[in-house]
Amino acid sequence: MGEPEMLAQVGPVKLRLQVMSAGTGAMGPGKAAVLEAIQTHGSITAAGRALGMSYKRCWALVDEMNRCWRTPLVTAVRGGPTQGALLTDEGTLVLEAFRALEQRLTAATREDPAYAALVDNLRETPLSPPGS
């Protein structure tokens, strides 16, 4: 299973922001959703369950993020009465910055004349293929 497709939608235009680290996806909509789910549920297992993905896939996304950023975005909580995972201060900062940039890109797209040119020339529904 790949990252969940959570794209910013501006009318018929879908925007998908990705932050890359030497060709590796350091952050995208799916990884941001994983961070949000960890923030909400307090564990990688529960985050995966909430997103409909396996623990293995969720852990792989966390591991990839932690390897891409200078400091880990997620840390494990072990011992004591609770176990699970938490966002680090850097994880919270990266998540908030990513979501803020998504919002700005969405707003800028709405206001761009190129957006109007695309939308004004787009059919509401595609024509049927020939012979159908």
Protein backbone atom coordinates (compact mmCIF):
# COMPACT_ATOMS: atom_id res chain seq x y z
CA MET A 1 0.00 0.00 0.00
CA GLY A 2 1.35 3.45 -0.88
CA GLU A 3 0.91 6.70 0.96
CA PRO A 4 -2.73 7.71 1.34
CA GLU A 5 -3.64 10.23 -1.32
CA MET A 6 -4.58 13.34 0.57
CA LEU A 7 -4.32 16.09 -1.94
CA ALA A 8 -5.23 19.72 -1.75
CA GLN A 9 -8.09 20.26 -4.17
CA VAL A 10 -8.78 23.60 -5.80
CA GLY A 11 -11.80 23.07 -8.01
CA PRO A 12 -10.72 20.45 -10.54
CA VAL A 13 -6.99 20.96 -9.81
CA LYS A 14 -5.24 18.63 -7.36
CA LEU A 15 -2.05 19.84 -5.72
CA ARG A 16 0.42 17.42 -4.18
CA LEU A 17 3.29 19.03 -2.31
CA GLN A 18 6.34 16.84 -1.72
CA VAL A 19 9.57 17.69 0.08
CA MET A 20 12.51 15.68 -1.25
CA SER A 21 15.85 14.73 0.29
CA ALA A 22 18.21 13.59 -2.48
CA GLY A 23 15.42 11.87 -4.40
CA THR A 24 13.71 10.41 -1.34
CA GLY A 25 10.31 11.70 -0.26
CA ALA A 26 10.98 13.35 3.09
CA MET A 27 7.43 14.67 3.45
CA GLY A 28 4.21 14.50 1.46
CA PRO A 29 0.50 14.37 2.17
CA GLY A 30 0.59 10.73 3.28
CA LYS A 31 3.53 11.20 5.62
CA ALA A 32 1.90 14.32 7.06
CA ALA A 33 -1.23 12.21 7.70
CA VAL A 34 0.94 9.63 9.49
CA LEU A 35 2.40 12.34 11.72
CA GLU A 36 -1.07 13.70 12.48
CA ALA A 37 -2.33 10.20 13.31
CA ILE A 38 0.63 9.58 15.64
CA GLN A 39 -0.05 12.94 17.27
CA THR A 40 -3.70 11.98 17.77
CA HIS A 41 -3.36 8.30 18.70
CA GLY A 42 0.05 8.16 20.42
CA SER A 43 1.41 5.10 18.64
CA ILE A 44 2.50 3.89 15.23
CA THR A 45 0.20 0.88 15.51
CA ALA A 46 -2.86 3.03 16.23
CA ALA A 47 -1.86 5.56 13.56
CA GLY A 48 -1.63 2.80 10.97
CA ARG A 49 -4.97 1.37 12.02
CA ALA A 50 -6.62 4.82 11.80
CA LEU A 51 -5.18 5.31 8.30
CA GLY A 52 -6.03 1.79 7.12
CA MET A 53 -2.43 0.72 6.66
CA SER A 54 -0.34 -1.99 8.21
CA TYR A 55 2.02 -1.35 11.10
CA LYS A 56 4.88 -2.36 8.82
CA ARG A 57 3.97 0.27 6.20
CA CYS A 58 3.36 2.96 8.81
CA TRP A 59 6.69 2.18 10.51
CA ALA A 60 8.48 2.28 7.12
CA LEU A 61 7.11 5.79 6.47
CA VAL A 62 8.19 6.95 9.94
CA ASP A 63 11.63 5.41 9.45
CA GLU A 64 12.02 7.10 6.06
CA MET A 65 11.04 10.48 7.51
CA ASN A 66 13.42 10.06 10.45
CA ARG A 67 16.27 9.28 8.05
CA CYS A 68 15.56 12.31 5.83
CA TRP A 69 15.48 15.06 8.44
CA ARG A 70 18.43 16.28 10.51
CA THR A 71 16.68 15.23 13.70
CA PRO A 72 14.01 12.53 14.02
CA LEU A 73 10.38 13.59 13.63
CA VAL A 74 9.01 10.70 15.69
CA THR A 75 10.40 9.13 18.82
CA ALA A 76 9.42 5.95 20.64
CA VAL A 77 8.09 6.07 24.20
CA ARG A 78 9.14 3.01 26.19
CA GLY A 79 8.72 1.97 29.78
CA GLY A 80 6.48 3.27 32.51
CA PRO A 81 2.72 3.12 32.21
CA THR A 82 2.64 4.19 28.56
CA GLN A 83 4.32 3.00 25.42
CA GLY A 84 3.95 4.34 21.95
CA ALA A 85 5.29 7.14 19.81
CA LEU A 86 5.36 10.92 19.94
CA LEU A 87 6.26 13.70 17.56
CA THR A 88 9.46 15.44 18.49
CA ASP A 89 9.58 19.24 18.56
CA GLU A 90 11.10 19.03 15.07
CA GLY A 91 8.28 16.71 13.97
CA THR A 92 5.67 19.21 15.13
CA LEU A 93 7.52 22.06 13.42
CA VAL A 94 7.88 20.17 10.12
CA LEU A 95 4.23 19.08 10.14
CA GLU A 96 2.96 22.60 10.85
CA ALA A 97 5.23 24.12 8.19
CA PHE A 98 4.17 21.53 5.61
CA ARG A 99 0.45 22.10 6.22
CA ALA A 100 0.95 25.90 6.15
CA LEU A 101 2.75 25.68 2.80
CA GLU A 102 -0.01 23.46 1.42
CA GLN A 103 -2.58 26.09 2.41
CA ARG A 104 -0.56 28.90 0.82
CA LEU A 105 -0.13 26.96 -2.42
CA THR A 106 -3.85 26.25 -2.53
CA ALA A 107 -4.68 29.94 -2.00
CA ALA A 108 -2.11 31.06 -4.60
CA THR A 109 -3.48 28.58 -7.13
CA ARG A 110 -7.02 29.95 -6.78
CA GLU A 111 -5.76 33.48 -7.49
CA ASP A 112 -3.45 32.60 -10.41
CA PRO A 113 -4.68 33.56 -13.91
CA ALA A 114 -3.28 30.26 -15.19
CA TYR A 115 -5.76 28.44 -12.95
CA ALA A 116 -8.64 30.37 -14.54
CA ALA A 117 -7.31 29.58 -18.03
CA LEU A 118 -7.24 25.86 -17.23
CA VAL A 119 -10.62 25.74 -15.55
CA ASP A 120 -12.35 27.92 -18.16
CA ASN A 121 -11.32 25.48 -20.90
CA LEU A 122 -12.10 22.26 -19.07
CA ARG A 123 -15.19 20.21 -19.85
CA GLU A 124 -17.45 19.51 -16.91
CA THR A 125 -17.41 15.84 -17.91
CA PRO A 126 -15.21 14.21 -20.57
CA LEU A 127 -16.67 13.16 -23.90
CA SER A 128 -17.39 9.46 -24.27
CA PRO A 129 -14.68 7.53 -26.13
CA PRO A 130 -15.38 6.98 -29.84
CA GLY A 131 -17.57 3.95 -30.49
CA SER A 132 -19.01 3.71 -27.02
